Amino acid sequence: MMGPFVPDVVTDELNLIVGFLVGLAFGFVLEQAGFSSSRKLTGLFYGTDFTVLRVFFSAGVTAMCGVTLLSKLGLLDVNVIYVHPTYLYAALVGGGVMGLGF
């Protein structure tokens, strides 16, 4: 099973189809937003074009709304979703090293 959909309600085949359709739609949106353009990415770093940031933000909001909606409808068990432990000190050291090197 690819995702944490409730096994008694959603079959494995439907789970794969939903994942494929969501991935296809998300890829289309990213392509239309210009993610394949290096000018968009460099524009974000130089602070002149925030299209990439807006797409990332809207993707996060869409994911949060989707998880909430599927959970409320009983199609998604959020207790099954695994969240990796956070290693704050390792993230700070890695961010510092990358910040100094960048």
PDB file of N, CA and C in Angstrom:
ATOM      1  N   MET A   1       0.843  -1.179   0.000  1.00  0.00           N
ATOM      2  CA  MET A   1       0.000   0.000   0.000  1.00  0.00           C
ATOM      3  C   MET A   1       0.884   1.236   0.000  1.00  0.00           C
ATOM      4  N   MET A   2       0.602   2.169  -0.880  1.00  0.00           N
ATOM      5  CA  MET A   2       1.465   3.326  -1.068  1.00  0.00           C
ATOM      6  C   MET A   2       1.220   4.431  -0.052  1.00  0.00           C
ATOM      7  N   GLY A   3       0.012   4.578   0.412  1.00  0.00           N
ATOM      8  CA  GLY A   3      -0.285   5.692   1.304  1.00  0.00           C
ATOM      9  C   GLY A   3      -1.091   5.248   2.495  1.00  0.00           C
ATOM     10  N   PRO A   4      -1.392   6.165   3.376  1.00  0.00           N
ATOM     11  CA  PRO A   4      -2.118   5.814   4.599  1.00  0.00           C
ATOM     12  C   PRO A   4      -3.632   5.842   4.452  1.00  0.00           C
ATOM     13  N   PHE A   5      -4.164   5.664   3.224  1.00  0.00           N
ATOM     14  CA  PHE A   5      -5.613   5.570   3.096  1.00  0.00           C
ATOM     15  C   PHE A   5      -6.117   4.371   3.882  1.00  0.00           C
ATOM     16  N   VAL A   6      -7.328   4.455   4.390  1.00  0.00           N
ATOM     17  CA  VAL A   6      -7.913   3.390   5.197  1.00  0.00           C
ATOM     18  C   VAL A   6      -8.110   2.160   4.313  1.00  0.00           C
ATOM     19  N   PRO A   7      -7.475   1.023   4.645  1.00  0.00           N
ATOM     20  CA  PRO A   7      -7.512  -0.157   3.770  1.00  0.00           C
ATOM     21  C   PRO A   7      -8.906  -0.731   3.559  1.00  0.00           C
ATOM     22  N   ASP A   8      -9.800  -0.603   4.531  1.00  0.00           N
ATOM     23  CA  ASP A   8     -11.129  -1.187   4.396  1.00  0.00           C
ATOM     24  C   ASP A   8     -12.014  -0.390   3.446  1.00  0.00           C
ATOM     25  N   VAL A   9     -11.688   0.875   3.232  1.00  0.00           N
ATOM     26  CA  VAL A   9     -12.523   1.738   2.405  1.00  0.00           C
ATOM     27  C   VAL A   9     -11.936   1.904   1.006  1.00  0.00           C
ATOM     28  N   VAL A  10     -10.629   2.113   0.926  1.00  0.00           N
ATOM     29  CA  VAL A  10      -9.962   2.390  -0.345  1.00  0.00           C
ATOM     30  C   VAL A  10      -9.074   1.203  -0.703  1.00  0.00           C
ATOM     31  N   THR A  11      -9.261   0.659  -1.904  1.00  0.00           N
ATOM     32  CA  THR A  11      -8.445  -0.472  -2.346  1.00  0.00           C
ATOM     33  C   THR A  11      -7.061   0.013  -2.760  1.00  0.00           C
ATOM     34  N   ASP A  12      -6.127  -0.925  -2.864  1.00  0.00           N
ATOM     35  CA  ASP A  12      -4.771  -0.582  -3.288  1.00  0.00           C
ATOM     36  C   ASP A  12      -4.757  -0.011  -4.704  1.00  0.00           C
ATOM     37  N   GLU A  13      -5.603  -0.549  -5.572  1.00  0.00           N
ATOM     38  CA  GLU A  13      -5.648  -0.066  -6.951  1.00  0.00           C
ATOM     39  C   GLU A  13      -6.136   1.377  -7.008  1.00  0.00           C
ATOM     40  N   LEU A  14      -7.196   1.684  -6.257  1.00  0.00           N
ATOM     41  CA  LEU A  14      -7.713   3.050  -6.223  1.00  0.00           C
ATOM     42  C   LEU A  14      -6.695   3.993  -5.596  1.00  0.00           C
ATOM     43  N   ASN A  15      -5.976   3.506  -4.611  1.00  0.00           N
ATOM     44  CA  ASN A  15      -4.931   4.298  -3.974  1.00  0.00           C
ATOM     45  C   ASN A  15      -3.865   4.690  -4.992  1.00  0.00           C
ATOM     46  N   LEU A  16      -3.453   3.741  -5.838  1.00  0.00           N
ATOM     47  CA  LEU A  16      -2.463   4.031  -6.872  1.00  0.00           C
ATOM     48  C   LEU A  16      -3.005   4.993  -7.921  1.00  0.00           C
ATOM     49  N   ILE A  17      -4.260   4.825  -8.285  1.00  0.00           N
ATOM     50  CA  ILE A  17      -4.863   5.709  -9.280  1.00  0.00           C
ATOM     51  C   ILE A  17      -4.951   7.135  -8.744  1.00  0.00           C
ATOM     52  N   VAL A  18      -5.373   7.282  -7.497  1.00  0.00           N
ATOM     53  CA  VAL A  18      -5.451   8.614  -6.890  1.00  0.00           C
ATOM     54  C   VAL A  18      -4.068   9.249  -6.820  1.00  0.00           C
ATOM     55  N   GLY A  19      -3.071   8.483  -6.408  1.00  0.00           N
ATOM     56  CA  GLY A  19      -1.707   9.006  -6.351  1.00  0.00           C
ATOM     57  C   GLY A  19      -1.190   9.428  -7.712  1.00  0.00           C
ATOM     58  N   PHE A  20      -1.495   8.629  -8.743  1.00  0.00           N
ATOM     59  CA  PHE A  20      -1.071   8.967 -10.103  1.00  0.00           C
ATOM     60  C   PHE A  20      -1.739  10.247 -10.585  1.00  0.00           C
ATOM     61  N   LEU A  21      -3.046  10.379 -10.357  1.00  0.00           N
ATOM     62  CA  LEU A  21      -3.765  11.564 -10.819  1.00  0.00           C
ATOM     63  C   LEU A  21      -3.319  12.824 -10.087  1.00  0.00           C
ATOM     64  N   VAL A  22      -3.083  12.712  -8.796  1.00  0.00           N
ATOM     65  CA  VAL A  22      -2.594  13.866  -8.038  1.00  0.00           C
ATOM     66  C   VAL A  22      -1.202  14.257  -8.515  1.00  0.00           C
ATOM     67  N   GLY A  23      -0.339  13.275  -8.740  1.00  0.00           N
ATOM     68  CA  GLY A  23       1.001  13.564  -9.245  1.00  0.00           C
ATOM     69  C   GLY A  23       0.979  14.180 -10.626  1.00  0.00           C
ATOM     70  N   LEU A  24       0.093  13.694 -11.487  1.00  0.00           N
ATOM     71  CA  LEU A  24      -0.042  14.248 -12.828  1.00  0.00           C
ATOM     72  C   LEU A  24      -0.520  15.697 -12.775  1.00  0.00           C
ATOM     73  N   ALA A  25      -1.512  15.964 -11.949  1.00  0.00           N
ATOM     74  CA  ALA A  25      -2.028  17.329 -11.821  1.00  0.00           C
ATOM     75  C   ALA A  25      -0.974  18.259 -11.225  1.00  0.00           C
ATOM     76  N   PHE A  26      -0.264  17.781 -10.221  1.00  0.00           N
ATOM     77  CA  PHE A  26       0.759  18.613  -9.588  1.00  0.00           C
ATOM     78  C   PHE A  26       1.902  18.894 -10.560  1.00  0.00           C
ATOM     79  N   GLY A  27       2.302  17.901 -11.336  1.00  0.00           N
ATOM     80  CA  GLY A  27       3.340  18.111 -12.340  1.00  0.00           C
ATOM     81  C   GLY A  27       2.910  19.104 -13.399  1.00  0.00           C
ATOM     82  N   PHE A  28       1.645  19.047 -13.815  1.00  0.00           N
ATOM     83  CA  PHE A  28       1.130  20.002 -14.791  1.00  0.00           C
ATOM     84  C   PHE A  28       1.170  21.421 -14.234  1.00  0.00           C
ATOM     85  N   VAL A  29       0.754  21.573 -12.986  1.00  0.00           N
ATOM     86  CA  VAL A  29       0.775  22.900 -12.360  1.00  0.00           C
ATOM     87  C   VAL A  29       2.204  23.418 -12.246  1.00  0.00           C
ATOM     88  N   LEU A  30       3.134  22.567 -11.869  1.00  0.00           N
ATOM     89  CA  LEU A  30       4.532  22.996 -11.766  1.00  0.00           C
ATOM     90  C   LEU A  30       5.088  23.404 -13.125  1.00  0.00           C
ATOM     91  N   GLU A  31       4.740  22.668 -14.161  1.00  0.00           N
ATOM     92  CA  GLU A  31       5.214  23.011 -15.506  1.00  0.00           C
ATOM     93  C   GLU A  31       4.620  24.338 -15.965  1.00  0.00           C
ATOM     94  N   GLN A  32       3.341  24.550 -15.690  1.00  0.00           N
ATOM     95  CA  GLN A  32       2.706  25.804 -16.077  1.00  0.00           C
ATOM     96  C   GLN A  32       3.257  26.990 -15.287  1.00  0.00           C
ATOM     97  N   ALA A  33       3.701  26.741 -14.074  1.00  0.00           N
ATOM     98  CA  ALA A  33       4.271  27.813 -13.252  1.00  0.00           C
ATOM     99  C   ALA A  33       5.699  28.139 -13.654  1.00  0.00           C
ATOM    100  N   GLY A  34       6.296  27.331 -14.519  1.00  0.00           N
ATOM    101  CA  GLY A  34       7.632  27.630 -15.000  1.00  0.00           C
ATOM    102  C   GLY A  34       8.748  27.004 -14.205  1.00  0.00           C
ATOM    103  N   PHE A  35       8.476  25.892 -13.551  1.00  0.00           N
ATOM    104  CA  PHE A  35       9.524  25.257 -12.756  1.00  0.00           C
ATOM    105  C   PHE A  35      10.643  24.682 -13.604  1.00  0.00           C
ATOM    106  N   SER A  36      10.389  24.503 -14.897  1.00  0.00           N
ATOM    107  CA  SER A  36      11.455  23.992 -15.754  1.00  0.00           C
ATOM    108  C   SER A  36      12.356  25.114 -16.261  1.00  0.00           C
ATOM    109  N   SER A  37      12.021  26.337 -15.931  1.00  0.00           N
ATOM    110  CA  SER A  37      12.808  27.487 -16.371  1.00  0.00           C
ATOM    111  C   SER A  37      13.846  27.853 -15.310  1.00  0.00           C
ATOM    112  N   SER A  38      15.091  27.893 -15.718  1.00  0.00           N
ATOM    113  CA  SER A  38      16.140  28.275 -14.764  1.00  0.00           C
ATOM    114  C   SER A  38      16.035  29.747 -14.389  1.00  0.00           C
ATOM    115  N   ARG A  39      15.400  30.553 -15.221  1.00  0.00           N
ATOM    116  CA  ARG A  39      15.221  31.980 -14.901  1.00  0.00           C
ATOM    117  C   ARG A  39      14.312  32.169 -13.692  1.00  0.00           C
ATOM    118  N   LYS A  40      13.305  31.306 -13.570  1.00  0.00           N
ATOM    119  CA  LYS A  40      12.406  31.395 -12.409  1.00  0.00           C
ATOM    120  C   LYS A  40      13.157  31.071 -11.119  1.00  0.00           C
ATOM    121  N   LEU A  41      14.002  30.053 -11.162  1.00  0.00           N
ATOM    122  CA  LEU A  41      14.743  29.661  -9.959  1.00  0.00           C
ATOM    123  C   LEU A  41      15.777  30.710  -9.578  1.00  0.00           C
ATOM    124  N   THR A  42      16.502  31.232 -10.557  1.00  0.00           N
ATOM    125  CA  THR A  42      17.485  32.269 -10.230  1.00  0.00           C
ATOM    126  C   THR A  42      16.793  33.555  -9.806  1.00  0.00           C
ATOM    127  N   GLY A  43      15.611  33.821 -10.371  1.00  0.00           N
ATOM    128  CA  GLY A  43      14.844  34.995  -9.954  1.00  0.00           C
ATOM    129  C   GLY A  43      14.444  34.923  -8.494  1.00  0.00           C
ATOM    130  N   LEU A  44      14.170  33.727  -8.007  1.00  0.00           N
ATOM    131  CA  LEU A  44      13.845  33.558  -6.589  1.00  0.00           C
ATOM    132  C   LEU A  44      15.051  33.875  -5.720  1.00  0.00           C
ATOM    133  N   PHE A  45      16.227  33.392  -6.115  1.00  0.00           N
ATOM    134  CA  PHE A  45      17.431  33.643  -5.325  1.00  0.00           C
ATOM    135  C   PHE A  45      17.824  35.113  -5.331  1.00  0.00           C
ATOM    136  N   TYR A  46      17.580  35.793  -6.444  1.00  0.00           N
ATOM    137  CA  TYR A  46      17.918  37.217  -6.531  1.00  0.00           C
ATOM    138  C   TYR A  46      16.808  38.117  -6.007  1.00  0.00           C
ATOM    139  N   GLY A  47      15.648  37.546  -5.688  1.00  0.00           N
ATOM    140  CA  GLY A  47      14.554  38.323  -5.119  1.00  0.00           C
ATOM    141  C   GLY A  47      13.764  39.112  -6.146  1.00  0.00           C
ATOM    142  N   THR A  48      13.769  38.670  -7.405  1.00  0.00           N
ATOM    143  CA  THR A  48      13.033  39.391  -8.443  1.00  0.00           C
ATOM    144  C   THR A  48      11.786  38.653  -8.914  1.00  0.00           C
ATOM    145  N   ASP A  49      11.699  37.346  -8.704  1.00  0.00           N
ATOM    146  CA  ASP A  49      10.563  36.557  -9.179  1.00  0.00           C
ATOM    147  C   ASP A  49      10.191  35.541  -8.099  1.00  0.00           C
ATOM    148  N   PHE A  50       8.998  35.677  -7.546  1.00  0.00           N
ATOM    149  CA  PHE A  50       8.581  34.823  -6.435  1.00  0.00           C
ATOM    150  C   PHE A  50       7.557  33.771  -6.857  1.00  0.00           C
ATOM    151  N   THR A  51       7.530  33.427  -8.135  1.00  0.00           N
ATOM    152  CA  THR A  51       6.591  32.418  -8.626  1.00  0.00           C
ATOM    153  C   THR A  51       6.835  31.071  -7.969  1.00  0.00           C
ATOM    154  N   VAL A  52       8.083  30.676  -7.869  1.00  0.00           N
ATOM    155  CA  VAL A  52       8.430  29.380  -7.282  1.00  0.00           C
ATOM    156  C   VAL A  52       7.990  29.330  -5.818  1.00  0.00           C
ATOM    157  N   LEU A  53       8.218  30.389  -5.091  1.00  0.00           N
ATOM    158  CA  LEU A  53       7.828  30.441  -3.679  1.00  0.00           C
ATOM    159  C   LEU A  53       6.313  30.363  -3.532  1.00  0.00           C
ATOM    160  N   ARG A  54       5.585  31.050  -4.408  1.00  0.00           N
ATOM    161  CA  ARG A  54       4.120  30.996  -4.349  1.00  0.00           C
ATOM    162  C   ARG A  54       3.605  29.589  -4.631  1.00  0.00           C
ATOM    163  N   VAL A  55       4.230  28.896  -5.572  1.00  0.00           N
ATOM    164  CA  VAL A  55       3.793  27.531  -5.887  1.00  0.00           C
ATOM    165  C   VAL A  55       4.087  26.596  -4.718  1.00  0.00           C
ATOM    166  N   PHE A  56       5.264  26.728  -4.108  1.00  0.00           N
ATOM    167  CA  PHE A  56       5.581  25.911  -2.934  1.00  0.00           C
ATOM    168  C   PHE A  56       4.596  26.179  -1.797  1.00  0.00           C
ATOM    169  N   PHE A  57       4.275  27.442  -1.571  1.00  0.00           N
ATOM    170  CA  PHE A  57       3.337  27.788  -0.510  1.00  0.00           C
ATOM    171  C   PHE A  57       1.951  27.222  -0.807  1.00  0.00           C
ATOM    172  N   SER A  58       1.488  27.384  -2.047  1.00  0.00           N
ATOM    173  CA  SER A  58       0.163  26.862  -2.390  1.00  0.00           C
ATOM    174  C   SER A  58       0.131  25.336  -2.330  1.00  0.00           C
ATOM    175  N   ALA A  59       1.244  24.676  -2.643  1.00  0.00           N
ATOM    176  CA  ALA A  59       1.296  23.216  -2.527  1.00  0.00           C
ATOM    177  C   ALA A  59       1.181  22.786  -1.069  1.00  0.00           C
ATOM    178  N   GLY A  60       1.840  23.499  -0.178  1.00  0.00           N
ATOM    179  CA  GLY A  60       1.743  23.179   1.246  1.00  0.00           C
ATOM    180  C   GLY A  60       0.341  23.383   1.785  1.00  0.00           C
ATOM    181  N   VAL A  61      -0.292  24.482   1.397  1.00  0.00           N
ATOM    182  CA  VAL A  61      -1.662  24.754   1.841  1.00  0.00           C
ATOM    183  C   VAL A  61      -2.623  23.713   1.271  1.00  0.00           C
ATOM    184  N   THR A  62      -2.436  23.344   0.007  1.00  0.00           N
ATOM    185  CA  THR A  62      -3.278  22.316  -0.608  1.00  0.00           C
ATOM    186  C   THR A  62      -3.117  20.977   0.103  1.00  0.00           C
ATOM    187  N   ALA A  63      -1.886  20.629   0.458  1.00  0.00           N
ATOM    188  CA  ALA A  63      -1.649  19.372   1.172  1.00  0.00           C
ATOM    189  C   ALA A  63      -2.314  19.389   2.545  1.00  0.00           C
ATOM    190  N   MET A  64      -2.200  20.508   3.254  1.00  0.00           N
ATOM    191  CA  MET A  64      -2.835  20.601   4.574  1.00  0.00           C
ATOM    192  C   MET A  64      -4.350  20.497   4.468  1.00  0.00           C
ATOM    193  N   CYS A  65      -4.937  21.180   3.487  1.00  0.00           N
ATOM    194  CA  CYS A  65      -6.390  21.109   3.299  1.00  0.00           C
ATOM    195  C   CYS A  65      -6.821  19.706   2.886  1.00  0.00           C
ATOM    196  N   GLY A  66      -6.037  19.069   2.023  1.00  0.00           N
ATOM    197  CA  GLY A  66      -6.371  17.717   1.583  1.00  0.00           C
ATOM    198  C   GLY A  66      -6.319  16.708   2.712  1.00  0.00           C
ATOM    199  N   VAL A  67      -5.283  16.784   3.536  1.00  0.00           N
ATOM    200  CA  VAL A  67      -5.166  15.863   4.669  1.00  0.00           C
ATOM    201  C   VAL A  67      -6.309  16.088   5.650  1.00  0.00           C
ATOM    202  N   THR A  68      -6.635  17.344   5.914  1.00  0.00           N
ATOM    203  CA  THR A  68      -7.733  17.644   6.833  1.00  0.00           C
ATOM    204  C   THR A  68      -9.061  17.139   6.284  1.00  0.00           C
ATOM    205  N   LEU A  69      -9.323  17.397   5.009  1.00  0.00           N
ATOM    206  CA  LEU A  69     -10.581  16.970   4.404  1.00  0.00           C
ATOM    207  C   LEU A  69     -10.700  15.448   4.366  1.00  0.00           C
ATOM    208  N   LEU A  70      -9.651  14.767   3.929  1.00  0.00           N
ATOM    209  CA  LEU A  70      -9.693  13.302   3.871  1.00  0.00           C
ATOM    210  C   LEU A  70      -9.822  12.691   5.264  1.00  0.00           C
ATOM    211  N   SER A  71      -9.209  13.326   6.250  1.00  0.00           N
ATOM    212  CA  SER A  71      -9.327  12.836   7.622  1.00  0.00           C
ATOM    213  C   SER A  71     -10.753  13.008   8.139  1.00  0.00           C
ATOM    214  N   LYS A  72     -11.352  14.163   7.864  1.00  0.00           N
ATOM    215  CA  LYS A  72     -12.724  14.419   8.321  1.00  0.00           C
ATOM    216  C   LYS A  72     -13.732  13.505   7.627  1.00  0.00           C
ATOM    217  N   LEU A  73     -13.447  13.142   6.373  1.00  0.00           N
ATOM    218  CA  LEU A  73     -14.340  12.232   5.648  1.00  0.00           C
ATOM    219  C   LEU A  73     -14.134  10.772   6.033  1.00  0.00           C
ATOM    220  N   GLY A  74     -13.099  10.494   6.829  1.00  0.00           N
ATOM    221  CA  GLY A  74     -12.825   9.133   7.262  1.00  0.00           C
ATOM    222  C   GLY A  74     -12.055   8.308   6.252  1.00  0.00           C
ATOM    223  N   LEU A  75     -11.470   8.958   5.238  1.00  0.00           N
ATOM    224  CA  LEU A  75     -10.715   8.240   4.215  1.00  0.00           C
ATOM    225  C   LEU A  75      -9.228   8.177   4.519  1.00  0.00           C
ATOM    226  N   LEU A  76      -8.769   8.950   5.471  1.00  0.00           N
ATOM    227  CA  LEU A  76      -7.348   9.004   5.791  1.00  0.00           C
ATOM    228  C   LEU A  76      -7.167   8.916   7.297  1.00  0.00           C
ATOM    229  N   ASP A  77      -6.373   7.966   7.732  1.00  0.00           N
ATOM    230  CA  ASP A  77      -6.062   7.819   9.149  1.00  0.00           C
ATOM    231  C   ASP A  77      -4.738   8.523   9.409  1.00  0.00           C
ATOM    232  N   VAL A  78      -4.788   9.690  10.046  1.00  0.00           N
ATOM    233  CA  VAL A  78      -3.572  10.479  10.249  1.00  0.00           C
ATOM    234  C   VAL A  78      -2.628   9.826  11.252  1.00  0.00           C
ATOM    235  N   ASN A  79      -3.103   8.888  12.033  1.00  0.00           N
ATOM    236  CA  ASN A  79      -2.229   8.198  12.981  1.00  0.00           C
ATOM    237  C   ASN A  79      -1.279   7.232  12.281  1.00  0.00           C
ATOM    238  N   VAL A  80      -1.585   6.880  11.027  1.00  0.00           N
ATOM    239  CA  VAL A  80      -0.749   5.958  10.272  1.00  0.00           C
ATOM    240  C   VAL A  80       0.409   6.697   9.590  1.00  0.00           C
ATOM    241  N   ILE A  81       0.278   8.013   9.436  1.00  0.00           N
ATOM    242  CA  ILE A  81       1.313   8.802   8.765  1.00  0.00           C
ATOM    243  C   ILE A  81       2.536   8.876   9.672  1.00  0.00           C
ATOM    244  N   TYR A  82       3.681   8.459   9.133  1.00  0.00           N
ATOM    245  CA  TYR A  82       4.920   8.467   9.906  1.00  0.00           C
ATOM    246  C   TYR A  82       5.612   9.813   9.740  1.00  0.00           C
ATOM    247  N   VAL A  83       5.983  10.413  10.845  1.00  0.00           N
ATOM    248  CA  VAL A  83       6.720  11.674  10.832  1.00  0.00           C
ATOM    249  C   VAL A  83       8.101  11.398  11.396  1.00  0.00           C
ATOM    250  N   HIS A  84       9.122  11.711  10.613  1.00  0.00           N
ATOM    251  CA  HIS A  84      10.492  11.490  11.062  1.00  0.00           C
ATOM    252  C   HIS A  84      10.794  12.366  12.274  1.00  0.00           C
ATOM    253  N   PRO A  85      11.615  11.875  13.196  1.00  0.00           N
ATOM    254  CA  PRO A  85      11.981  12.707  14.342  1.00  0.00           C
ATOM    255  C   PRO A  85      12.819  13.903  13.886  1.00  0.00           C
ATOM    256  N   THR A  86      12.674  15.007  14.591  1.00  0.00           N
ATOM    257  CA  THR A  86      13.397  16.229  14.251  1.00  0.00           C
ATOM    258  C   THR A  86      14.687  16.297  15.050  1.00  0.00           C
ATOM    259  N   TYR A  87      15.788  16.467  14.341  1.00  0.00           N
ATOM    260  CA  TYR A  87      17.090  16.644  14.973  1.00  0.00           C
ATOM    261  C   TYR A  87      17.478  18.107  14.808  1.00  0.00           C
ATOM    262  N   LEU A  88      17.085  18.926  15.778  1.00  0.00           N
ATOM    263  CA  LEU A  88      17.240  20.369  15.660  1.00  0.00           C
ATOM    264  C   LEU A  88      18.696  20.787  15.581  1.00  0.00           C
ATOM    265  N   TYR A  89      19.547  20.215  16.420  1.00  0.00           N
ATOM    266  CA  TYR A  89      20.955  20.623  16.428  1.00  0.00           C
ATOM    267  C   TYR A  89      21.650  20.252  15.120  1.00  0.00           C
ATOM    268  N   ALA A  90      21.346  19.098  14.574  1.00  0.00           N
ATOM    269  CA  ALA A  90      21.928  18.708  13.290  1.00  0.00           C
ATOM    270  C   ALA A  90      21.460  19.642  12.179  1.00  0.00           C
ATOM    271  N   ALA A  91      20.207  20.055  12.227  1.00  0.00           N
ATOM    272  CA  ALA A  91      19.694  20.986  11.222  1.00  0.00           C
ATOM    273  C   ALA A  91      20.360  22.349  11.352  1.00  0.00           C
ATOM    274  N   LEU A  92      20.587  22.802  12.577  1.00  0.00           N
ATOM    275  CA  LEU A  92      21.258  24.090  12.784  1.00  0.00           C
ATOM    276  C   LEU A  92      22.700  24.050  12.303  1.00  0.00           C
ATOM    277  N   VAL A  93      23.403  22.962  12.606  1.00  0.00           N
ATOM    278  CA  VAL A  93      24.793  22.834  12.158  1.00  0.00           C
ATOM    279  C   VAL A  93      24.841  22.750  10.630  1.00  0.00           C
ATOM    280  N   GLY A  94      23.982  21.955  10.034  1.00  0.00           N
ATOM    281  CA  GLY A  94      23.942  21.843   8.580  1.00  0.00           C
ATOM    282  C   GLY A  94      23.581  23.161   7.914  1.00  0.00           C
ATOM    283  N   GLY A  95      22.633  23.877   8.483  1.00  0.00           N
ATOM    284  CA  GLY A  95      22.269  25.187   7.944  1.00  0.00           C
ATOM    285  C   GLY A  95      23.400  26.183   8.067  1.00  0.00           C
ATOM    286  N   GLY A  96      24.118  26.117   9.188  1.00  0.00           N
ATOM    287  CA  GLY A  96      25.266  27.014   9.362  1.00  0.00           C
ATOM    288  C   GLY A  96      26.384  26.719   8.384  1.00  0.00           C
ATOM    289  N   VAL A  97      26.668  25.436   8.188  1.00  0.00           N
ATOM    290  CA  VAL A  97      27.721  25.051   7.242  1.00  0.00           C
ATOM    291  C   VAL A  97      27.339  25.466   5.823  1.00  0.00           C
ATOM    292  N   MET A  98      26.096  25.206   5.443  1.00  0.00           N
ATOM    293  CA  MET A  98      25.658  25.596   4.102  1.00  0.00           C
ATOM    294  C   MET A  98      25.617  27.114   3.964  1.00  0.00           C
ATOM    295  N   GLY A  99      25.224  27.809   5.011  1.00  0.00           N
ATOM    296  CA  GLY A  99      25.177  29.271   4.961  1.00  0.00           C
ATOM    297  C   GLY A  99      26.555  29.887   4.822  1.00  0.00           C
ATOM    298  N   LEU A 100      27.531  29.326   5.503  1.00  0.00           N
ATOM    299  CA  LEU A 100      28.895  29.842   5.396  1.00  0.00           C
ATOM    300  C   LEU A 100      29.503  29.532   4.038  1.00  0.00           C
ATOM    301  N   GLY A 101      29.158  28.382   3.495  1.00  0.00           N
ATOM    302  CA  GLY A 101      29.719  27.989   2.203  1.00  0.00           C
ATOM    303  C   GLY A 101      29.022  28.627   1.023  1.00  0.00           C
ATOM    304  N   PHE A 102      27.813  29.136   1.234  1.00  0.00           N
ATOM    305  CA  PHE A 102      27.047  29.693   0.123  1.00  0.00           C
ATOM    306  C   PHE A 102      27.406  31.140  -0.026  1.00  0.00           C
TER     307      PHE A 102
END
